Amino acid sequence: AGRVIDVRGWGSESDRSVVTVRWPNGTTNVYRIGHRGKADLKCLTPGEGGFYYRDHMPIVGRSPPSSSGPATREAGSAGLKPGDAVRVDLEADLLQLLQEGHGGWNPKMEEAIG
C-alpha cells in the first residue's frame, strides 16, 4: 500500500481534491480524490488523529469551514490525510489509459493496484 504524503487542490480548479502518494518502491504520483468528480484511490487504513464521521461523504471542491474547536477531518478532504494507506482500485489497462495526459504510464504503477 502507498502512503498519502500531501492533500491539495488542482490549481485554481478545485480545493483538496488530489493527493500525492508515495509507494513502497519510492515512487510518488498524484491521484484524484474528487477532482472533476473522479476518485482513483481507496482508503485501506485510516490514519490516526482528528475526529470525523467515517461514513460521511465529502463535499468535493469546497474548502472545509474553519473551526476554532478541536481538530476535525472536515468534508472536502475525502477522508484522506498524510499517513493514510491507499491503493489503486482499477485494472491495469484502465489505469494505463487514464494516465494519458497525466504524466504517462510507468510499468511500476501496476505494483500499486489491489
PDB file of N, CA and C in Angstrom:
ATOM      1  N   ALA A   1       0.842  -1.185   0.000  1.00  0.00           N
ATOM      2  CA  ALA A   1       0.000   0.000   0.000  1.00  0.00           C
ATOM      3  C   ALA A   1       0.878   1.237   0.000  1.00  0.00           C
ATOM      4  N   GLY A   2       0.383   2.283  -0.650  1.00  0.00           N
ATOM      5  CA  GLY A   2       1.081   3.554  -0.655  1.00  0.00           C
ATOM      6  C   GLY A   2       0.659   4.399   0.533  1.00  0.00           C
ATOM      7  N   ARG A   3       1.371   5.498   0.751  1.00  0.00           N
ATOM      8  CA  ARG A   3       1.072   6.429   1.841  1.00  0.00           C
ATOM      9  C   ARG A   3       0.800   7.813   1.277  1.00  0.00           C
ATOM     10  N   VAL A   4      -0.281   8.424   1.741  1.00  0.00           N
ATOM     11  CA  VAL A   4      -0.598   9.789   1.343  1.00  0.00           C
ATOM     12  C   VAL A   4       0.414  10.709   2.011  1.00  0.00           C
ATOM     13  N   ILE A   5       1.075  11.546   1.202  1.00  0.00           N
ATOM     14  CA  ILE A   5       2.060  12.475   1.759  1.00  0.00           C
ATOM     15  C   ILE A   5       1.629  13.934   1.603  1.00  0.00           C
ATOM     16  N   ASP A   6       0.570  14.172   0.809  1.00  0.00           N
ATOM     17  CA  ASP A   6       0.104  15.542   0.615  1.00  0.00           C
ATOM     18  C   ASP A   6      -1.335  15.520   0.123  1.00  0.00           C
ATOM     19  N   VAL A   7      -2.162  16.438   0.616  1.00  0.00           N
ATOM     20  CA  VAL A   7      -3.537  16.621   0.153  1.00  0.00           C
ATOM     21  C   VAL A   7      -3.631  18.069  -0.301  1.00  0.00           C
ATOM     22  N   ARG A   8      -4.063  18.285  -1.561  1.00  0.00           N
ATOM     23  CA  ARG A   8      -4.103  19.652  -2.075  1.00  0.00           C
ATOM     24  C   ARG A   8      -5.142  19.786  -3.178  1.00  0.00           C
ATOM     25  N   GLY A   9      -5.266  20.983  -3.691  1.00  0.00           N
ATOM     26  CA  GLY A   9      -6.150  21.253  -4.812  1.00  0.00           C
ATOM     27  C   GLY A   9      -5.404  21.111  -6.123  1.00  0.00           C
ATOM     28  N   TRP A  10      -6.152  21.181  -7.211  1.00  0.00           N
ATOM     29  CA  TRP A  10      -5.561  21.125  -8.544  1.00  0.00           C
ATOM     30  C   TRP A  10      -5.605  22.541  -9.101  1.00  0.00           C
ATOM     31  N   GLY A  11      -4.567  23.307  -8.813  1.00  0.00           N
ATOM     32  CA  GLY A  11      -4.524  24.698  -9.241  1.00  0.00           C
ATOM     33  C   GLY A  11      -5.708  25.467  -8.681  1.00  0.00           C
ATOM     34  N   SER A  12      -6.305  26.292  -9.521  1.00  0.00           N
ATOM     35  CA  SER A  12      -7.468  27.067  -9.081  1.00  0.00           C
ATOM     36  C   SER A  12      -8.771  26.340  -9.395  1.00  0.00           C
ATOM     37  N   GLU A  13      -8.688  25.134  -9.990  1.00  0.00           N
ATOM     38  CA  GLU A  13      -9.889  24.389 -10.376  1.00  0.00           C
ATOM     39  C   GLU A  13     -10.644  23.806  -9.192  1.00  0.00           C
ATOM     40  N   SER A  14      -9.928  23.335  -8.176  1.00  0.00           N
ATOM     41  CA  SER A  14     -10.590  22.679  -7.053  1.00  0.00           C
ATOM     42  C   SER A  14      -9.710  22.747  -5.817  1.00  0.00           C
ATOM     43  N   ASP A  15     -10.323  22.538  -4.670  1.00  0.00           N
ATOM     44  CA  ASP A  15      -9.624  22.595  -3.389  1.00  0.00           C
ATOM     45  C   ASP A  15      -9.619  21.209  -2.749  1.00  0.00           C
ATOM     46  N   ARG A  16      -8.483  20.742  -2.282  1.00  0.00           N
ATOM     47  CA  ARG A  16      -8.337  19.465  -1.577  1.00  0.00           C
ATOM     48  C   ARG A  16      -8.968  18.308  -2.363  1.00  0.00           C
ATOM     49  N   SER A  17      -8.613  18.209  -3.641  1.00  0.00           N
ATOM     50  CA  SER A  17      -9.226  17.191  -4.491  1.00  0.00           C
ATOM     51  C   SER A  17      -8.219  16.223  -5.096  1.00  0.00           C
ATOM     52  N   VAL A  18      -6.938  16.367  -4.752  1.00  0.00           N
ATOM     53  CA  VAL A  18      -5.908  15.432  -5.214  1.00  0.00           C
ATOM     54  C   VAL A  18      -4.954  15.142  -4.059  1.00  0.00           C
ATOM     55  N   VAL A  19      -4.322  13.978  -4.114  1.00  0.00           N
ATOM     56  CA  VAL A  19      -3.319  13.611  -3.110  1.00  0.00           C
ATOM     57  C   VAL A  19      -2.055  13.150  -3.804  1.00  0.00           C
ATOM     58  N   THR A  20      -0.941  13.338  -3.137  1.00  0.00           N
ATOM     59  CA  THR A  20       0.320  12.759  -3.579  1.00  0.00           C
ATOM     60  C   THR A  20       0.544  11.512  -2.740  1.00  0.00           C
ATOM     61  N   VAL A  21       0.869  10.394  -3.407  1.00  0.00           N
ATOM     62  CA  VAL A  21       1.080   9.119  -2.736  1.00  0.00           C
ATOM     63  C   VAL A  21       2.523   8.668  -2.963  1.00  0.00           C
ATOM     64  N   ARG A  22       3.165   8.206  -1.890  1.00  0.00           N
ATOM     65  CA  ARG A  22       4.490   7.578  -2.004  1.00  0.00           C
ATOM     66  C   ARG A  22       4.276   6.074  -1.904  1.00  0.00           C
ATOM     67  N   TRP A  23       4.745   5.349  -2.929  1.00  0.00           N
ATOM     68  CA  TRP A  23       4.594   3.899  -2.993  1.00  0.00           C
ATOM     69  C   TRP A  23       5.800   3.211  -2.385  1.00  0.00           C
ATOM     70  N   PRO A  24       5.671   1.936  -1.964  1.00  0.00           N
ATOM     71  CA  PRO A  24       6.779   1.226  -1.304  1.00  0.00           C
ATOM     72  C   PRO A  24       8.083   1.219  -2.111  1.00  0.00           C
ATOM     73  N   ASN A  25       7.995   1.309  -3.442  1.00  0.00           N
ATOM     74  CA  ASN A  25       9.217   1.305  -4.253  1.00  0.00           C
ATOM     75  C   ASN A  25       9.876   2.683  -4.313  1.00  0.00           C
ATOM     76  N   GLY A  26       9.303   3.674  -3.594  1.00  0.00           N
ATOM     77  CA  GLY A  26       9.888   5.010  -3.520  1.00  0.00           C
ATOM     78  C   GLY A  26       9.328   6.013  -4.513  1.00  0.00           C
ATOM     79  N   THR A  27       8.566   5.563  -5.491  1.00  0.00           N
ATOM     80  CA  THR A  27       7.997   6.489  -6.461  1.00  0.00           C
ATOM     81  C   THR A  27       6.818   7.239  -5.851  1.00  0.00           C
ATOM     82  N   THR A  28       6.541   8.410  -6.402  1.00  0.00           N
ATOM     83  CA  THR A  28       5.386   9.192  -5.981  1.00  0.00           C
ATOM     84  C   THR A  28       4.565   9.536  -7.206  1.00  0.00           C
ATOM     85  N   ASN A  29       3.281   9.769  -6.984  1.00  0.00           N
ATOM     86  CA  ASN A  29       2.400  10.182  -8.063  1.00  0.00           C
ATOM     87  C   ASN A  29       1.206  10.911  -7.455  1.00  0.00           C
ATOM     88  N   VAL A  30       0.520  11.692  -8.274  1.00  0.00           N
ATOM     89  CA  VAL A  30      -0.655  12.454  -7.852  1.00  0.00           C
ATOM     90  C   VAL A  30      -1.905  11.740  -8.350  1.00  0.00           C
ATOM     91  N   TYR A  31      -2.906  11.605  -7.456  1.00  0.00           N
ATOM     92  CA  TYR A  31      -4.152  10.906  -7.780  1.00  0.00           C
ATOM     93  C   TYR A  31      -5.345  11.771  -7.389  1.00  0.00           C
ATOM     94  N   ARG A  32      -6.449  11.591  -8.110  1.00  0.00           N
ATOM     95  CA  ARG A  32      -7.681  12.335  -7.830  1.00  0.00           C
ATOM     96  C   ARG A  32      -8.428  11.710  -6.647  1.00  0.00           C
ATOM     97  N   ILE A  33      -8.939  12.575  -5.790  1.00  0.00           N
ATOM     98  CA  ILE A  33      -9.838  12.141  -4.708  1.00  0.00           C
ATOM     99  C   ILE A  33     -11.067  13.036  -4.732  1.00  0.00           C
ATOM    100  N   GLY A  34     -11.565  13.262  -5.943  1.00  0.00           N
ATOM    101  CA  GLY A  34     -12.737  14.093  -6.119  1.00  0.00           C
ATOM    102  C   GLY A  34     -12.577  15.117  -7.221  1.00  0.00           C
ATOM    103  N   HIS A  35     -11.383  15.316  -7.729  1.00  0.00           N
ATOM    104  CA  HIS A  35     -11.169  16.278  -8.805  1.00  0.00           C
ATOM    105  C   HIS A  35     -12.008  15.891 -10.022  1.00  0.00           C
ATOM    106  N   ARG A  36     -12.838  16.825 -10.456  1.00  0.00           N
ATOM    107  CA  ARG A  36     -13.749  16.624 -11.586  1.00  0.00           C
ATOM    108  C   ARG A  36     -14.646  15.392 -11.390  1.00  0.00           C
ATOM    109  N   GLY A  37     -14.980  15.123 -10.133  1.00  0.00           N
ATOM    110  CA  GLY A  37     -15.908  14.035  -9.824  1.00  0.00           C
ATOM    111  C   GLY A  37     -15.300  12.646  -9.896  1.00  0.00           C
ATOM    112  N   LYS A  38     -13.985  12.541  -9.970  1.00  0.00           N
ATOM    113  CA  LYS A  38     -13.315  11.240 -10.109  1.00  0.00           C
ATOM    114  C   LYS A  38     -12.476  10.936  -8.879  1.00  0.00           C
ATOM    115  N   ALA A  39     -12.367   9.643  -8.565  1.00  0.00           N
ATOM    116  CA  ALA A  39     -11.502   9.179  -7.474  1.00  0.00           C
ATOM    117  C   ALA A  39     -10.712   7.974  -7.974  1.00  0.00           C
ATOM    118  N   ASP A  40      -9.408   7.986  -7.772  1.00  0.00           N
ATOM    119  CA  ASP A  40      -8.535   6.920  -8.248  1.00  0.00           C
ATOM    120  C   ASP A  40      -8.101   5.962  -7.147  1.00  0.00           C
ATOM    121  N   LEU A  41      -8.370   6.299  -5.900  1.00  0.00           N
ATOM    122  CA  LEU A  41      -7.852   5.528  -4.767  1.00  0.00           C
ATOM    123  C   LEU A  41      -8.957   5.111  -3.811  1.00  0.00           C
ATOM    124  N   LYS A  42      -8.654   4.099  -3.001  1.00  0.00           N
ATOM    125  CA  LYS A  42      -9.498   3.721  -1.876  1.00  0.00           C
ATOM    126  C   LYS A  42      -8.636   3.779  -0.622  1.00  0.00           C
ATOM    127  N   CYS A  43      -9.211   4.261   0.457  1.00  0.00           N
ATOM    128  CA  CYS A  43      -8.501   4.302   1.727  1.00  0.00           C
ATOM    129  C   CYS A  43      -8.525   2.901   2.330  1.00  0.00           C
ATOM    130  N   LEU A  44      -7.339   2.331   2.586  1.00  0.00           N
ATOM    131  CA  LEU A  44      -7.251   0.994   3.182  1.00  0.00           C
ATOM    132  C   LEU A  44      -7.228   1.063   4.698  1.00  0.00           C
ATOM    133  N   THR A  45      -6.425   1.977   5.229  1.00  0.00           N
ATOM    134  CA  THR A  45      -6.273   2.110   6.666  1.00  0.00           C
ATOM    135  C   THR A  45      -6.331   3.586   7.028  1.00  0.00           C
ATOM    136  N   PRO A  46      -7.355   4.010   7.751  1.00  0.00           N
ATOM    137  CA  PRO A  46      -7.413   5.424   8.135  1.00  0.00           C
ATOM    138  C   PRO A  46      -6.203   5.803   8.980  1.00  0.00           C
ATOM    139  N   GLY A  47      -5.663   6.985   8.743  1.00  0.00           N
ATOM    140  CA  GLY A  47      -4.574   7.492   9.564  1.00  0.00           C
ATOM    141  C   GLY A  47      -5.093   7.867  10.938  1.00  0.00           C
ATOM    142  N   GLU A  48      -4.193   8.081  11.866  1.00  0.00           N
ATOM    143  CA  GLU A  48      -4.586   8.443  13.217  1.00  0.00           C
ATOM    144  C   GLU A  48      -4.693   9.952  13.355  1.00  0.00           C
ATOM    145  N   GLY A  49      -5.528  10.389  14.268  1.00  0.00           N
ATOM    146  CA  GLY A  49      -5.651  11.802  14.576  1.00  0.00           C
ATOM    147  C   GLY A  49      -6.943  12.394  14.065  1.00  0.00           C
ATOM    148  N   GLY A  50      -7.405  13.405  14.726  1.00  0.00           N
ATOM    149  CA  GLY A  50      -8.606  14.103  14.312  1.00  0.00           C
ATOM    150  C   GLY A  50      -9.867  13.312  14.567  1.00  0.00           C
ATOM    151  N   PHE A  51     -10.990  13.973  14.418  1.00  0.00           N
ATOM    152  CA  PHE A  51     -12.284  13.348  14.607  1.00  0.00           C
ATOM    153  C   PHE A  51     -13.105  13.551  13.350  1.00  0.00           C
ATOM    154  N   TYR A  52     -13.818  12.518  12.916  1.00  0.00           N
ATOM    155  CA  TYR A  52     -14.650  12.615  11.731  1.00  0.00           C
ATOM    156  C   TYR A  52     -15.641  11.470  11.724  1.00  0.00           C
ATOM    157  N   TYR A  53     -16.681  11.600  10.924  1.00  0.00           N
ATOM    158  CA  TYR A  53     -17.629  10.514  10.721  1.00  0.00           C
ATOM    159  C   TYR A  53     -17.203   9.776   9.465  1.00  0.00           C
ATOM    160  N   ARG A  54     -16.711   8.561   9.623  1.00  0.00           N
ATOM    161  CA  ARG A  54     -16.140   7.794   8.537  1.00  0.00           C
ATOM    162  C   ARG A  54     -17.091   7.612   7.351  1.00  0.00           C
ATOM    163  N   ASP A  55     -18.392   7.462   7.616  1.00  0.00           N
ATOM    164  CA  ASP A  55     -19.343   7.183   6.548  1.00  0.00           C
ATOM    165  C   ASP A  55     -19.850   8.432   5.830  1.00  0.00           C
ATOM    166  N   HIS A  56     -19.444   9.607   6.261  1.00  0.00           N
ATOM    167  CA  HIS A  56     -19.899  10.836   5.603  1.00  0.00           C
ATOM    168  C   HIS A  56     -19.068  11.089   4.361  1.00  0.00           C
ATOM    169  N   MET A  57     -19.742  11.404   3.283  1.00  0.00           N
ATOM    170  CA  MET A  57     -19.059  11.718   2.034  1.00  0.00           C
ATOM    171  C   MET A  57     -18.618  13.176   2.054  1.00  0.00           C
ATOM    172  N   PRO A  58     -17.476  13.484   1.460  1.00  0.00           N
ATOM    173  CA  PRO A  58     -17.003  14.873   1.440  1.00  0.00           C
ATOM    174  C   PRO A  58     -17.750  15.703   0.406  1.00  0.00           C
ATOM    175  N   ILE A  59     -17.690  16.987   0.581  1.00  0.00           N
ATOM    176  CA  ILE A  59     -18.176  17.913  -0.434  1.00  0.00           C
ATOM    177  C   ILE A  59     -16.963  18.267  -1.274  1.00  0.00           C
ATOM    178  N   VAL A  60     -16.883  17.692  -2.456  1.00  0.00           N
ATOM    179  CA  VAL A  60     -15.697  17.817  -3.297  1.00  0.00           C
ATOM    180  C   VAL A  60     -15.560  19.241  -3.817  1.00  0.00           C
ATOM    181  N   GLY A  61     -14.322  19.746  -3.761  1.00  0.00           N
ATOM    182  CA  GLY A  61     -14.028  21.052  -4.315  1.00  0.00           C
ATOM    183  C   GLY A  61     -14.407  22.223  -3.430  1.00  0.00           C
ATOM    184  N   ARG A  62     -14.902  21.962  -2.239  1.00  0.00           N
ATOM    185  CA  ARG A  62     -15.276  23.029  -1.321  1.00  0.00           C
ATOM    186  C   ARG A  62     -14.324  23.020  -0.140  1.00  0.00           C
ATOM    187  N   SER A  63     -13.794  24.170   0.204  1.00  0.00           N
ATOM    188  CA  SER A  63     -12.894  24.265   1.351  1.00  0.00           C
ATOM    189  C   SER A  63     -13.644  23.947   2.624  1.00  0.00           C
ATOM    190  N   PRO A  64     -12.999  23.215   3.540  1.00  0.00           N
ATOM    191  CA  PRO A  64     -13.675  22.942   4.806  1.00  0.00           C
ATOM    192  C   PRO A  64     -13.856  24.235   5.594  1.00  0.00           C
ATOM    193  N   PRO A  65     -14.954  24.339   6.346  1.00  0.00           N
ATOM    194  CA  PRO A  65     -15.147  25.547   7.158  1.00  0.00           C
ATOM    195  C   PRO A  65     -14.087  25.618   8.245  1.00  0.00           C
ATOM    196  N   SER A  66     -13.668  26.832   8.570  1.00  0.00           N
ATOM    197  CA  SER A  66     -12.682  26.970   9.642  1.00  0.00           C
ATOM    198  C   SER A  66     -13.372  26.719  10.972  1.00  0.00           C
ATOM    199  N   SER A  67     -12.600  26.205  11.909  1.00  0.00           N
ATOM    200  CA  SER A  67     -13.167  25.858  13.206  1.00  0.00           C
ATOM    201  C   SER A  67     -12.192  26.264  14.286  1.00  0.00           C
ATOM    202  N   SER A  68     -12.703  26.780  15.376  1.00  0.00           N
ATOM    203  CA  SER A  68     -11.840  27.124  16.499  1.00  0.00           C
ATOM    204  C   SER A  68     -11.846  26.017  17.541  1.00  0.00           C
ATOM    205  N   GLY A  69     -12.608  24.946  17.292  1.00  0.00           N
ATOM    206  CA  GLY A  69     -12.698  23.826  18.222  1.00  0.00           C
ATOM    207  C   GLY A  69     -11.597  22.812  17.991  1.00  0.00           C
ATOM    208  N   PRO A  70     -11.776  21.584  18.498  1.00  0.00           N
ATOM    209  CA  PRO A  70     -10.762  20.558  18.323  1.00  0.00           C
ATOM    210  C   PRO A  70     -10.569  20.199  16.848  1.00  0.00           C
ATOM    211  N   ALA A  71      -9.404  19.662  16.539  1.00  0.00           N
ATOM    212  CA  ALA A  71      -9.094  19.294  15.160  1.00  0.00           C
ATOM    213  C   ALA A  71     -10.100  18.268  14.653  1.00  0.00           C
ATOM    214  N   THR A  72     -10.619  18.504  13.447  1.00  0.00           N
ATOM    215  CA  THR A  72     -11.555  17.568  12.843  1.00  0.00           C
ATOM    216  C   THR A  72     -11.144  17.297  11.414  1.00  0.00           C
ATOM    217  N   ARG A  73     -11.593  16.174  10.886  1.00  0.00           N
ATOM    218  CA  ARG A  73     -11.378  15.873   9.467  1.00  0.00           C
ATOM    219  C   ARG A  73     -12.668  16.259   8.769  1.00  0.00           C
ATOM    220  N   GLU A  74     -12.683  17.449   8.205  1.00  0.00           N
ATOM    221  CA  GLU A  74     -13.881  18.030   7.624  1.00  0.00           C
ATOM    222  C   GLU A  74     -14.155  17.476   6.234  1.00  0.00           C
ATOM    223  N   ALA A  75     -15.363  17.678   5.765  1.00  0.00           N
ATOM    224  CA  ALA A  75     -15.737  17.351   4.395  1.00  0.00           C
ATOM    225  C   ALA A  75     -14.827  18.116   3.456  1.00  0.00           C
ATOM    226  N   GLY A  76     -14.530  17.526   2.327  1.00  0.00           N
ATOM    227  CA  GLY A  76     -13.670  18.166   1.350  1.00  0.00           C
ATOM    228  C   GLY A  76     -12.308  17.519   1.284  1.00  0.00           C
ATOM    229  N   SER A  77     -11.925  16.742   2.278  1.00  0.00           N
ATOM    230  CA  SER A  77     -10.629  16.083   2.256  1.00  0.00           C
ATOM    231  C   SER A  77     -10.761  14.635   1.812  1.00  0.00           C
ATOM    232  N   ALA A  78     -11.963  14.203   1.476  1.00  0.00           N
ATOM    233  CA  ALA A  78     -12.252  12.823   1.065  1.00  0.00           C
ATOM    234  C   ALA A  78     -11.808  11.837   2.132  1.00  0.00           C
ATOM    235  N   GLY A  79     -11.681  12.294   3.377  1.00  0.00           N
ATOM    236  CA  GLY A  79     -11.297  11.410   4.464  1.00  0.00           C
ATOM    237  C   GLY A  79      -9.840  11.002   4.416  1.00  0.00           C
ATOM    238  N   LEU A  80      -9.026  11.593   3.541  1.00  0.00           N
ATOM    239  CA  LEU A  80      -7.617  11.227   3.434  1.00  0.00           C
ATOM    240  C   LEU A  80      -6.745  12.318   4.023  1.00  0.00           C
ATOM    241  N   LYS A  81      -5.662  11.889   4.637  1.00  0.00           N
ATOM    242  CA  LYS A  81      -4.680  12.831   5.159  1.00  0.00           C
ATOM    243  C   LYS A  81      -3.306  12.172   5.062  1.00  0.00           C
ATOM    244  N   PRO A  82      -2.252  12.957   5.161  1.00  0.00           N
ATOM    245  CA  PRO A  82      -0.915  12.357   5.112  1.00  0.00           C
ATOM    246  C   PRO A  82      -0.782  11.227   6.126  1.00  0.00           C
ATOM    247  N   GLY A  83      -0.239  10.098   5.667  1.00  0.00           N
ATOM    248  CA  GLY A  83      -0.056   8.923   6.514  1.00  0.00           C
ATOM    249  C   GLY A  83      -1.050   7.814   6.241  1.00  0.00           C
ATOM    250  N   ASP A  84      -2.189   8.118   5.576  1.00  0.00           N
ATOM    251  CA  ASP A  84      -3.181   7.094   5.254  1.00  0.00           C
ATOM    252  C   ASP A  84      -2.626   6.136   4.202  1.00  0.00           C
ATOM    253  N   ALA A  85      -2.958   4.858   4.321  1.00  0.00           N
ATOM    254  CA  ALA A  85      -2.576   3.850   3.324  1.00  0.00           C
ATOM    255  C   ALA A  85      -3.663   3.803   2.258  1.00  0.00           C
ATOM    256  N   VAL A  86      -3.265   3.763   0.989  1.00  0.00           N
ATOM    257  CA  VAL A  86      -4.210   3.749  -0.127  1.00  0.00           C
ATOM    258  C   VAL A  86      -3.776   2.717  -1.164  1.00  0.00           C
ATOM    259  N   ARG A  87      -4.688   2.406  -2.089  1.00  0.00           N
ATOM    260  CA  ARG A  87      -4.368   1.547  -3.214  1.00  0.00           C
ATOM    261  C   ARG A  87      -5.135   2.043  -4.427  1.00  0.00           C
ATOM    262  N   VAL A  88      -4.696   1.641  -5.604  1.00  0.00           N
ATOM    263  CA  VAL A  88      -5.402   1.981  -6.836  1.00  0.00           C
ATOM    264  C   VAL A  88      -6.396   0.864  -7.099  1.00  0.00           C
ATOM    265  N   ASP A  89      -7.658   1.223  -7.271  1.00  0.00           N
ATOM    266  CA  ASP A  89      -8.721   0.239  -7.445  1.00  0.00           C
ATOM    267  C   ASP A  89      -9.185   0.220  -8.904  1.00  0.00           C
ATOM    268  N   LEU A  90      -8.257  -0.052  -9.810  1.00  0.00           N
ATOM    269  CA  LEU A  90      -8.534  -0.118 -11.240  1.00  0.00           C
ATOM    270  C   LEU A  90      -7.769  -1.276 -11.852  1.00  0.00           C
ATOM    271  N   GLU A  91      -8.248  -1.773 -12.966  1.00  0.00           N
ATOM    272  CA  GLU A  91      -7.498  -2.756 -13.736  1.00  0.00           C
ATOM    273  C   GLU A  91      -6.333  -2.035 -14.411  1.00  0.00           C
ATOM    274  N   ALA A  92      -5.245  -2.753 -14.660  1.00  0.00           N
ATOM    275  CA  ALA A  92      -4.038  -2.148 -15.219  1.00  0.00           C
ATOM    276  C   ALA A  92      -4.307  -1.455 -16.553  1.00  0.00           C
ATOM    277  N   ASP A  93      -5.117  -2.064 -17.427  1.00  0.00           N
ATOM    278  CA  ASP A  93      -5.350  -1.454 -18.739  1.00  0.00           C
ATOM    279  C   ASP A  93      -6.102  -0.133 -18.620  1.00  0.00           C
ATOM    280  N   LEU A  94      -7.049  -0.032 -17.677  1.00  0.00           N
ATOM    281  CA  LEU A  94      -7.773   1.215 -17.473  1.00  0.00           C
ATOM    282  C   LEU A  94      -6.870   2.269 -16.838  1.00  0.00           C
ATOM    283  N   LEU A  95      -6.068   1.871 -15.871  1.00  0.00           N
ATOM    284  CA  LEU A  95      -5.136   2.798 -15.243  1.00  0.00           C
ATOM    285  C   LEU A  95      -4.169   3.355 -16.288  1.00  0.00           C
ATOM    286  N   GLN A  96      -3.685   2.500 -17.162  1.00  0.00           N
ATOM    287  CA  GLN A  96      -2.771   2.935 -18.210  1.00  0.00           C
ATOM    288  C   GLN A  96      -3.449   3.963 -19.123  1.00  0.00           C
ATOM    289  N   LEU A  97      -4.688   3.711 -19.478  1.00  0.00           N
ATOM    290  CA  LEU A  97      -5.450   4.637 -20.316  1.00  0.00           C
ATOM    291  C   LEU A  97      -5.640   5.986 -19.613  1.00  0.00           C
ATOM    292  N   LEU A  98      -5.960   5.946 -18.326  1.00  0.00           N
ATOM    293  CA  LEU A  98      -6.193   7.180 -17.571  1.00  0.00           C
ATOM    294  C   LEU A  98      -4.925   8.010 -17.377  1.00  0.00           C
ATOM    295  N   GLN A  99      -3.765   7.382 -17.480  1.00  0.00           N
ATOM    296  CA  GLN A  99      -2.505   8.104 -17.310  1.00  0.00           C
ATOM    297  C   GLN A  99      -2.149   8.957 -18.527  1.00  0.00           C
ATOM    298  N   GLU A 100      -2.817   8.725 -19.668  1.00  0.00           N
ATOM    299  CA  GLU A 100      -2.562   9.541 -20.852  1.00  0.00           C
ATOM    300  C   GLU A 100      -2.872  10.994 -20.541  1.00  0.00           C
ATOM    301  N   GLY A 101      -1.897  11.855 -20.780  1.00  0.00           N
ATOM    302  CA  GLY A 101      -2.079  13.277 -20.492  1.00  0.00           C
ATOM    303  C   GLY A 101      -1.878  13.640 -19.035  1.00  0.00           C
ATOM    304  N   HIS A 102      -1.498  12.659 -18.201  1.00  0.00           N
ATOM    305  CA  HIS A 102      -1.280  12.903 -16.763  1.00  0.00           C
ATOM    306  C   HIS A 102       0.052  12.322 -16.327  1.00  0.00           C
ATOM    307  N   GLY A 103       1.076  12.506 -17.132  1.00  0.00           N
ATOM    308  CA  GLY A 103       2.403  12.024 -16.773  1.00  0.00           C
ATOM    309  C   GLY A 103       2.771  10.719 -17.437  1.00  0.00           C
ATOM    310  N   GLY A 104       1.811  10.064 -18.085  1.00  0.00           N
ATOM    311  CA  GLY A 104       2.109   8.831 -18.805  1.00  0.00           C
ATOM    312  C   GLY A 104       2.157   7.611 -17.910  1.00  0.00           C
ATOM    313  N   TRP A 105       2.246   6.462 -18.537  1.00  0.00           N
ATOM    314  CA  TRP A 105       2.246   5.164 -17.859  1.00  0.00           C
ATOM    315  C   TRP A 105       3.668   4.747 -17.514  1.00  0.00           C
ATOM    316  N   ASN A 106       3.829   4.216 -16.325  1.00  0.00           N
ATOM    317  CA  ASN A 106       5.074   3.613 -15.886  1.00  0.00           C
ATOM    318  C   ASN A 106       4.716   2.209 -15.414  1.00  0.00           C
ATOM    319  N   PRO A 107       5.358   1.160 -15.942  1.00  0.00           N
ATOM    320  CA  PRO A 107       5.006  -0.204 -15.535  1.00  0.00           C
ATOM    321  C   PRO A 107       5.036  -0.435 -14.015  1.00  0.00           C
ATOM    322  N   LYS A 108       5.832   0.334 -13.294  1.00  0.00           N
ATOM    323  CA  LYS A 108       5.876   0.179 -11.827  1.00  0.00           C
ATOM    324  C   LYS A 108       4.565   0.590 -11.173  1.00  0.00           C
ATOM    325  N   MET A 109       3.728   1.362 -11.891  1.00  0.00           N
ATOM    326  CA  MET A 109       2.430   1.765 -11.341  1.00  0.00           C
ATOM    327  C   MET A 109       1.549   0.542 -11.068  1.00  0.00           C
ATOM    328  N   GLU A 110       1.769  -0.510 -11.818  1.00  0.00           N
ATOM    329  CA  GLU A 110       0.963  -1.729 -11.647  1.00  0.00           C
ATOM    330  C   GLU A 110       1.145  -2.322 -10.245  1.00  0.00           C
ATOM    331  N   GLU A 111       2.270  -2.040  -9.608  1.00  0.00           N
ATOM    332  CA  GLU A 111       2.527  -2.531  -8.246  1.00  0.00           C
ATOM    333  C   GLU A 111       1.565  -1.930  -7.229  1.00  0.00           C
ATOM    334  N   ALA A 112       0.952  -0.781  -7.570  1.00  0.00           N
ATOM    335  CA  ALA A 112       0.031  -0.101  -6.647  1.00  0.00           C
ATOM    336  C   ALA A 112      -1.399  -0.599  -6.751  1.00  0.00           C
ATOM    337  N   ILE A 113      -1.664  -1.480  -7.714  1.00  0.00           N
ATOM    338  CA  ILE A 113      -3.027  -1.976  -7.922  1.00  0.00           C
ATOM    339  C   ILE A 113      -3.333  -3.071  -6.905  1.00  0.00           C
ATOM    340  N   GLY A 114      -4.557  -3.009  -6.367  1.00  0.00           N
ATOM    341  CA  GLY A 114      -5.006  -4.085  -5.472  1.00  0.00           C
ATOM    342  C   GLY A 114      -4.964  -3.782  -4.074  1.00  0.00           C
TER     343      GLY A 114
END
